[in-house]
Protein backbone atom coordinates (compact mmCIF):
# COMPACT_ATOMS: atom_id res chain seq x y z
CA MET A 1 30.37 126.78 42.11
CA PRO A 2 29.52 125.05 38.77
CA ARG A 3 29.38 127.26 35.74
CA ILE A 4 26.25 128.37 34.27
CA PRO A 5 25.13 126.41 30.81
CA THR A 6 25.23 128.50 28.00
CA ARG A 7 21.87 127.40 26.97
CA LEU A 8 20.59 128.99 30.39
CA ILE A 9 22.52 132.32 29.74
CA VAL A 10 21.05 132.60 26.09
CA GLU A 11 17.41 132.04 27.52
CA ALA A 12 17.62 134.30 29.98
CA TYR A 13 18.94 137.10 27.72
CA GLN A 14 15.94 136.39 25.36
CA HIS A 15 13.53 137.08 28.42
CA ASP A 16 15.99 140.48 29.52
CA ALA A 17 19.51 141.35 28.51
CA LEU A 18 19.87 142.24 32.46
CA LEU A 19 18.74 138.61 33.76
CA PRO A 20 22.02 136.91 32.86
CA LEU A 21 23.80 139.37 35.34
CA LEU A 22 21.34 137.68 38.20
CA LEU A 23 22.14 134.46 37.09
CA ARG A 24 25.72 134.70 38.50
CA GLU A 25 24.22 134.90 42.10
CA CYS A 26 20.45 133.56 41.49
CA ARG A 27 21.68 130.23 39.62
CA THR A 28 18.22 129.74 38.10
CA LEU A 29 15.91 131.66 35.92
CA ASP A 30 12.87 131.36 37.73
CA SER A 31 15.14 133.00 40.94
CA ALA A 32 16.51 135.53 38.32
CA LYS A 33 13.16 136.71 37.31
CA HIS A 34 11.55 137.26 40.81
CA GLU A 35 14.85 139.36 41.82
CA LEU A 36 14.45 141.36 38.59
CA ARG A 37 10.85 142.15 39.42
CA TRP A 38 11.85 143.47 42.87
CA LEU A 39 14.76 145.37 41.64
CA ARG A 40 12.68 146.81 38.88
CA GLU A 41 9.86 147.88 41.38
CA HIS A 42 12.42 149.27 43.47
CA ALA A 43 13.90 151.11 40.42
CA LEU A 44 10.57 152.59 39.65
CA ARG A 45 10.03 153.79 43.29
CA VAL A 46 12.85 156.03 43.14
CA LYS A 47 12.51 157.11 39.41
CA SER A 48 12.74 160.85 39.15
CA GLU A 49 10.48 162.79 36.87
CA ALA A 50 13.38 164.83 35.55
CA THR A 51 15.01 162.13 34.06
CA PRO A 52 12.42 159.53 32.71
CA HIS A 53 15.32 156.97 31.78
CA PHE A 54 16.73 157.04 35.24
CA SER A 55 14.95 153.82 36.33
CA ARG A 56 16.52 152.04 33.63
CA THR A 57 20.01 153.18 34.52
CA LEU A 58 19.40 152.61 38.16
CA LEU A 59 18.11 149.02 37.39
CA ARG A 60 21.12 148.38 35.57
CA THR A 61 23.67 149.57 38.00
CA MET A 62 21.43 147.19 40.98
CA CYS A 63 21.90 144.26 38.82
CA VAL A 64 25.57 144.64 38.34
CA ALA A 65 25.94 144.79 42.06
CA ARG A 66 23.97 141.83 42.70
CA SER A 67 25.82 140.06 39.95
CA LYS A 68 28.92 140.94 42.34
CA GLY A 69 27.54 138.95 45.19
CA ILE A 70 25.80 142.36 47.14
CA PRO A 71 22.73 140.90 48.92
CA LEU A 72 19.61 141.70 47.46
CA GLN A 73 18.17 143.47 50.75
CA TYR A 74 21.49 145.46 50.82
CA ILE A 75 20.69 146.74 47.45
CA LEU A 76 16.72 147.33 48.28
CA GLY A 77 17.58 148.58 51.45
CA ASP A 78 14.92 146.59 53.40
CA GLN A 79 13.51 143.45 53.94
CA PRO A 80 9.83 142.08 55.10
CA PHE A 81 9.74 140.57 58.40
CA GLY A 82 6.13 139.34 59.44
CA ASP A 83 3.85 142.51 58.84
CA LEU A 84 6.96 144.93 59.76
CA ASP A 85 9.43 146.33 57.22
CA ILE A 86 13.07 146.21 58.72
CA LYS A 87 15.81 148.25 57.12
CA CYS A 88 18.79 146.54 56.17
CA THR A 89 22.56 148.08 56.03
CA ARG A 90 25.71 146.47 55.65
CA GLY A 91 27.63 145.66 58.87
CA VAL A 92 24.21 143.92 60.25
CA LEU A 93 23.06 140.58 59.82
CA ILE A 94 19.84 140.39 57.13
CA PRO A 95 17.08 138.72 59.04
CA ARG A 96 16.15 135.38 57.51
CA GLN A 97 12.69 133.75 57.10
CA GLU A 98 13.47 130.89 59.36
CA THR A 99 14.15 133.22 62.09
CA GLU A 100 10.68 135.01 61.35
CA THR A 101 8.96 131.53 61.84
CA ILE A 102 10.71 130.84 65.07
CA THR A 103 9.72 134.44 66.23
CA TYR A 104 6.12 133.34 65.12
CA HIS A 105 6.42 130.16 66.94
CA ALA A 106 7.83 131.89 70.24
CA ALA A 107 5.16 134.39 70.08
CA LYS A 108 2.69 131.42 69.84
CA LEU A 109 4.43 129.69 72.69
CA ILE A 110 4.13 132.72 75.00
CA LEU A 111 0.42 133.17 74.48
CA ASP A 112 -0.22 129.65 75.13
CA LYS A 113 2.14 129.86 78.35
CA LEU A 114 2.06 133.27 80.03
CA SER A 115 -0.74 135.07 78.78
CA LYS A 116 -3.60 133.05 81.49
CA ASP A 117 -4.13 134.64 84.84
CA GLY A 118 -2.86 131.97 87.36
CA GLY A 119 -1.38 128.55 86.31
CA GLY A 120 1.95 129.88 85.53
CA GLY A 121 0.82 132.98 83.74
CA ILE A 122 2.08 136.52 83.75
CA ASP A 123 0.79 138.61 86.98
CA LYS A 124 -1.32 141.54 85.00
CA ASN A 125 0.14 143.99 87.43
CA ARG A 126 3.67 144.11 86.13
CA PRO A 127 5.14 143.72 82.35
CA LEU A 128 5.86 140.33 80.29
CA ARG A 129 9.69 141.01 80.20
CA ILE A 130 11.55 139.53 77.03
CA ILE A 131 14.93 140.10 76.12
CA ASP A 132 16.71 138.99 72.70
CA LEU A 133 20.25 138.33 72.92
CA CYS A 134 22.24 139.19 69.66
CA THR A 135 19.58 141.62 68.43
CA GLY A 136 21.11 142.74 65.09
CA THR A 137 18.33 144.65 63.07
CA GLY A 138 16.22 144.25 66.15
CA CYS A 139 13.36 142.44 64.01
CA ILE A 140 12.83 139.76 66.65
CA PRO A 141 11.77 142.41 69.44
CA LEU A 142 9.74 144.48 66.80
CA LEU A 143 7.76 141.62 65.57
CA LEU A 144 7.25 139.97 69.25
CA HIS A 145 6.07 143.41 70.29
CA SER A 146 3.46 143.67 66.97
CA LEU A 147 1.91 139.90 68.38
CA LEU A 148 1.91 140.14 71.42
CA SER A 149 1.35 143.86 72.80
CA PRO A 150 -2.32 143.57 71.85
CA HIS A 151 -2.59 140.49 74.69
CA PHE A 152 -0.41 142.02 77.33
CA PRO A 153 -1.27 145.38 78.61
CA LYS A 154 2.32 145.79 80.07
CA ILE A 155 5.29 144.45 78.26
CA THR A 156 9.03 145.25 78.32
CA ILE A 157 11.42 143.94 75.40
CA THR A 158 15.08 144.39 75.66
CA GLY A 159 17.20 143.87 72.42
CA ILE A 160 21.14 143.41 73.09
CA ASP A 161 23.80 143.25 70.96
CA ILE A 162 27.78 143.76 70.71
CA SER A 163 27.72 145.85 67.71
CA THR A 164 26.74 149.44 68.31
CA VAL A 165 25.89 149.75 64.32
CA ALA A 166 23.32 147.44 65.03
CA ILE A 167 22.04 149.00 68.08
CA GLY A 168 21.70 152.11 65.99
CA LEU A 169 20.05 150.57 63.16
CA ALA A 170 17.41 148.24 65.55
CA ARG A 171 16.49 151.74 67.20
CA GLU A 172 15.99 153.31 63.70
CA ASN A 173 13.84 150.08 62.66
CA ARG A 174 11.66 150.65 65.95
CA GLU A 175 10.87 154.36 65.02
CA ARG A 176 10.51 153.68 61.42
CA ASN A 177 7.91 150.75 61.70
CA VAL A 178 6.03 153.57 64.19
CA ARG A 179 5.99 155.78 61.49
CA LEU A 180 4.98 153.47 58.96
CA GLY A 181 2.04 152.48 61.13
CA LEU A 182 3.21 149.09 61.15
CA LEU A 183 3.86 149.34 65.01
CA SER A 184 1.76 150.94 67.75
CA LYS A 185 3.44 153.69 69.43
CA ARG A 186 3.73 151.49 72.40
CA ALA A 187 6.48 150.35 71.04
CA LEU A 188 8.89 153.29 71.54
CA THR A 189 8.71 152.97 75.41
CA ASP A 190 8.18 149.13 75.37
CA VAL A 191 10.88 148.04 73.08
CA ASN A 192 14.49 149.09 73.93
CA PHE A 193 17.96 148.26 72.64
CA GLN A 194 21.34 148.30 74.80
CA HIS A 195 24.76 147.29 74.44
CA GLY A 196 26.32 144.34 75.92
CA ASN A 197 28.17 140.94 75.07
CA VAL A 198 27.55 137.79 77.30
CA LEU A 199 31.34 136.38 76.25
CA GLU A 200 33.25 138.77 77.67
CA TYR A 201 33.16 137.27 81.02
CA ALA A 202 34.53 134.32 82.82
CA ASP A 203 32.44 134.37 85.71
CA HIS A 204 28.68 134.14 84.67
CA THR A 205 27.51 136.05 87.66
CA SER A 206 29.40 139.04 86.98
CA ALA A 207 28.78 138.70 83.35
CA LEU A 208 24.92 138.84 83.89
CA ASN A 209 25.38 141.87 86.01
CA LYS A 210 27.21 143.58 83.66
CA VAL A 211 24.96 142.75 80.51
CA PHE A 212 21.86 143.51 82.05
CA GLN A 213 22.70 146.33 84.14
CA ASP A 214 20.88 148.47 81.47
CA VAL A 215 17.84 146.24 80.81
CA ARG A 216 14.86 148.18 82.24
CA VAL A 217 12.72 145.64 83.93
CA PRO A 218 11.85 145.53 87.49
CA PRO A 219 12.63 142.90 89.89
CA SER A 220 10.89 139.76 90.32
CA PRO A 221 10.67 137.52 93.47
CA HIS A 222 11.24 134.60 91.22
CA LEU A 223 13.58 135.81 88.90
CA ASP A 224 17.01 136.87 89.84
CA LEU A 225 17.36 139.54 86.59
CA GLY A 226 13.45 139.71 86.16
CA CYS A 227 13.34 138.35 82.99
CA ASP A 228 10.36 135.78 81.66
CA VAL A 229 11.51 134.95 78.01
CA ILE A 230 14.69 134.93 76.43
CA ILE A 231 14.79 134.39 72.63
CA SER A 232 18.25 134.49 70.46
CA ASN A 233 19.40 133.77 66.96
CA PRO A 234 23.30 133.87 68.16
CA PRO A 235 26.34 133.09 65.69
CA TYR A 236 26.31 129.82 65.11
CA ILE A 237 28.21 129.03 61.93
CA SER A 238 31.58 126.91 62.47
CA PRO A 239 34.79 128.78 61.25
CA GLN A 240 35.25 125.67 59.29
CA ASP A 241 31.87 125.80 57.28
CA TYR A 242 32.64 129.43 56.80
CA ARG A 243 35.80 128.89 55.08
CA ASN A 244 35.11 125.83 53.19
CA GLY A 245 32.38 127.16 50.96
CA THR A 246 29.13 125.50 53.12
CA THR A 247 28.51 129.56 53.84
CA SER A 248 27.49 131.31 50.56
CA ARG A 249 30.16 133.62 48.57
CA SER A 250 27.26 136.81 49.26
CA VAL A 251 27.33 135.99 52.87
CA ARG A 252 31.27 135.84 53.51
CA MET A 253 31.60 138.76 51.47
CA PHE A 254 29.19 141.20 52.64
CA GLU A 255 27.22 140.23 55.73
CA PRO A 256 29.30 140.66 58.95
CA LYS A 257 31.16 137.45 60.19
CA LEU A 258 30.77 139.06 63.93
CA ALA A 259 26.74 137.90 63.53
CA LEU A 260 27.93 134.53 61.98
CA VAL A 261 30.77 132.73 63.61
CA PRO A 262 31.67 132.78 67.02
CA PRO A 263 35.10 134.09 68.27
CA GLU A 264 37.60 131.02 68.29
CA GLU A 265 39.59 132.95 71.07
CA SER A 266 36.84 133.21 73.26
CA SER A 267 36.13 129.21 72.89
CA THR A 268 39.48 128.25 74.36
CA PRO A 269 39.02 127.56 77.61
CA LEU A 270 35.83 125.35 77.01
CA LEU A 271 37.64 123.21 73.99
CA GLY A 272 38.36 120.54 77.19
CA GLU A 273 34.54 120.25 77.63
CA ARG A 274 33.07 117.01 76.63
CA ASN A 275 31.78 117.06 73.02
CA PHE A 276 31.94 121.02 73.16
CA GLN A 277 31.74 122.34 69.56
CA ILE A 278 33.13 126.00 68.69
CA GLU A 279 29.75 126.94 66.79
CA ASP A 280 28.07 126.31 70.24
CA LEU A 281 29.71 128.64 71.95
CA PHE A 282 27.12 131.23 72.54
CA TYR A 283 24.47 128.67 73.92
CA TYR A 284 27.08 127.49 76.76
CA HIS A 285 26.80 131.11 78.17
CA ILE A 286 23.18 131.48 77.18
CA ALA A 287 22.54 128.36 78.96
CA ALA A 288 23.99 129.65 82.11
CA ILE A 289 22.15 132.56 81.76
CA ILE A 290 18.83 130.88 81.74
CA ALA A 291 20.19 128.74 84.95
CA LYS A 292 20.89 132.22 86.53
CA CYS A 293 17.57 134.00 85.96
CA MET A 294 15.23 131.04 85.93
CA VAL A 295 13.98 131.98 82.76
CA ARG A 296 10.42 130.43 82.26
CA LEU A 297 10.39 130.27 78.34
CA THR A 298 13.88 130.40 76.29
CA VAL A 299 13.99 130.05 72.35
CA LEU A 300 17.15 129.31 70.71
CA GLU A 301 17.50 129.32 66.88
CA CYS A 302 20.33 126.81 65.71
CA GLY A 303 21.72 126.00 62.33
CA SER A 304 20.66 122.30 62.00
CA ARG A 305 19.02 119.61 63.76
CA LEU A 306 22.39 118.09 64.76
CA GLN A 307 23.67 121.31 66.27
CA ALA A 308 19.99 121.66 67.94
CA MET A 309 20.22 118.38 69.52
CA ARG A 310 23.94 119.13 71.16
CA VAL A 311 22.40 122.29 72.32
CA ALA A 312 19.76 120.99 74.06
CA THR A 313 21.99 118.35 75.47
CA LEU A 314 24.19 121.09 76.47
CA CYS A 315 21.46 123.09 78.15
CA ARG A 316 20.11 120.11 79.75
CA ASN A 317 23.97 119.31 81.51
CA ILE A 318 24.22 122.89 82.96
CA LEU A 319 20.54 123.38 84.23
CA GLN A 320 20.95 120.09 86.12
CA LYS A 321 23.86 121.64 87.95
CA ARG A 322 21.17 123.37 89.76
CA SER A 323 18.70 122.06 91.35
CA GLU A 324 16.13 124.67 90.97
CA THR A 325 16.24 123.99 87.26
CA SER A 326 16.16 120.51 87.15
CA GLY A 327 12.74 120.33 86.44
CA ALA A 328 13.17 122.35 82.85
CA THR A 329 11.71 120.82 80.02
CA ILE A 330 13.68 121.00 76.73
CA SER A 331 12.40 120.17 73.25
CA VAL A 332 13.94 120.61 69.50
CA TRP A 333 11.48 122.19 67.16
CA SER A 334 11.89 122.27 63.01
CA VAL A 335 11.12 125.20 61.03
CA THR A 336 11.16 123.33 57.85
CA GLY A 337 11.56 119.64 58.82
CA VAL A 338 14.80 119.33 57.00
CA ASP A 339 17.91 118.52 59.05
CA THR A 340 20.00 121.04 57.64
CA HIS A 341 17.95 123.83 57.85
CA PRO A 342 17.48 126.05 60.99
CA TYR A 343 15.80 124.40 64.07
CA ALA A 344 15.01 125.84 67.44
CA VAL A 345 15.88 124.59 70.85
CA LEU A 346 12.91 125.38 73.35
CA ILE A 347 13.34 125.41 77.04
CA GLN A 348 10.22 125.82 79.80
CA MET A 349 10.13 126.35 83.20
CA SER A 350 7.20 126.75 85.70
CA LEU A 351 7.26 128.74 88.61
CA ASN A 352 4.88 128.86 91.44
CA ASN A 353 5.03 131.03 94.78
CA LYS A 354 7.92 128.69 96.13
CA GLY A 355 10.05 128.48 93.03
CA PRO A 356 10.01 126.23 89.76
CA CYS A 357 7.94 123.13 89.65
CA GLN A 358 9.57 119.63 88.71
CA GLY A 359 8.94 118.60 85.18
CA GLN A 360 10.33 115.81 82.86
CA GLN A 361 12.84 116.63 80.25
CA ARG A 362 12.76 115.24 76.63
C-alpha cells in the first residue's frame, strides 16, 4: 500500500486532529471526513450526561480502532441495507451495497415474473417460497420480505448458513427490525434461518435432503423440494486474490474467511473438471440444487463479469444434463457496469402443469 503524502496528513490535521488516524484506512480526505462524521454522530448518541467529555474520548477510541483496519460497520455496530438496519458483529460478513442492489433487482424480477395470476405466476393459495443460501446477517431475506410481503399474502423465506454465529445474528436482525418498525410482524413467522452446508456431500440428492430438511416450505407438484426462488451471495474470492493484496487488509484481518473464500479441500474432486476454478465451487453445488429443485428463478452474486460468465456457462452445462431444465434462460446482469465489480447470474425457468417450458438460452 503506498504511503500517504505528508501534505495530505498536514491538511487532514488542520481540519481535525483525528482525521490523520482515519486516513490510514480511508486513503482520501473526503472519505476520512465522511467516516469521522459518522463516528462523531455515533459517539454523541451514546454520550453519557454524567461524563460530558465521554463522547470525545469515545470518538478518539473509535478512530484509533479504525486506523488499525477494523471495519467501520463493526465499530458502529450496524449497516443500512435498503430501509433496514442490519446489526453487524465480528465473525459475520458485512452487507455490501452491491448485494443490496442485487436484492432490489431480484425483488423486481420476482414481482415481474411470479406475482401475476396464471401465466407462470404463483398460486395465491400457497406461499411464495424463497431460499437464501449463505445468508450471513440475514440481510437478503429480510429486505426481500420488506419488498415482497405487501404483494404476496403468503410468503416463506428461509436463510441457510454454515455458521451458527451468522444464524444467531440473522435471527437477531429479524427481531431487531420488527422491533424498530422497519419490518412487519409477519416477518417473525414468514422468515426463518436454518443451519446447513451444501458442500459437505458428494451426492447431490442426499445433500439436498439434508440441507433442506428443516426448511418449512410445503411440497409442490412441480418443485421436488418446494422452492420458487434461490438467491445467494456465496464465498467467491479465490485463495490467490485473498492472499495477494487484491482483497483489502481490513477484510482479510477482520471479516470471516469462511464467508469469503471457498474451502480448497472441498474443491479437490472437481479440479479435473474443464475450466473449473476453485472460487466457483459454491456455484457448482448451487447449480445442482437448481436442477434438482426445478427452481423458477435463481439469482447468484459473482465477483466480476469474468466470473459471472464462467458461472453462467457452468450452470448451463449442469442444467443441460437434465432434459427438464434444458429450456432455462441464463443471463448476466451488471451492478455498476464495471467489469471488476460484482455481477449477478440470473436463471429463469417457466413451469406449467406439464412441467417446465422450453426456452432459449443466452
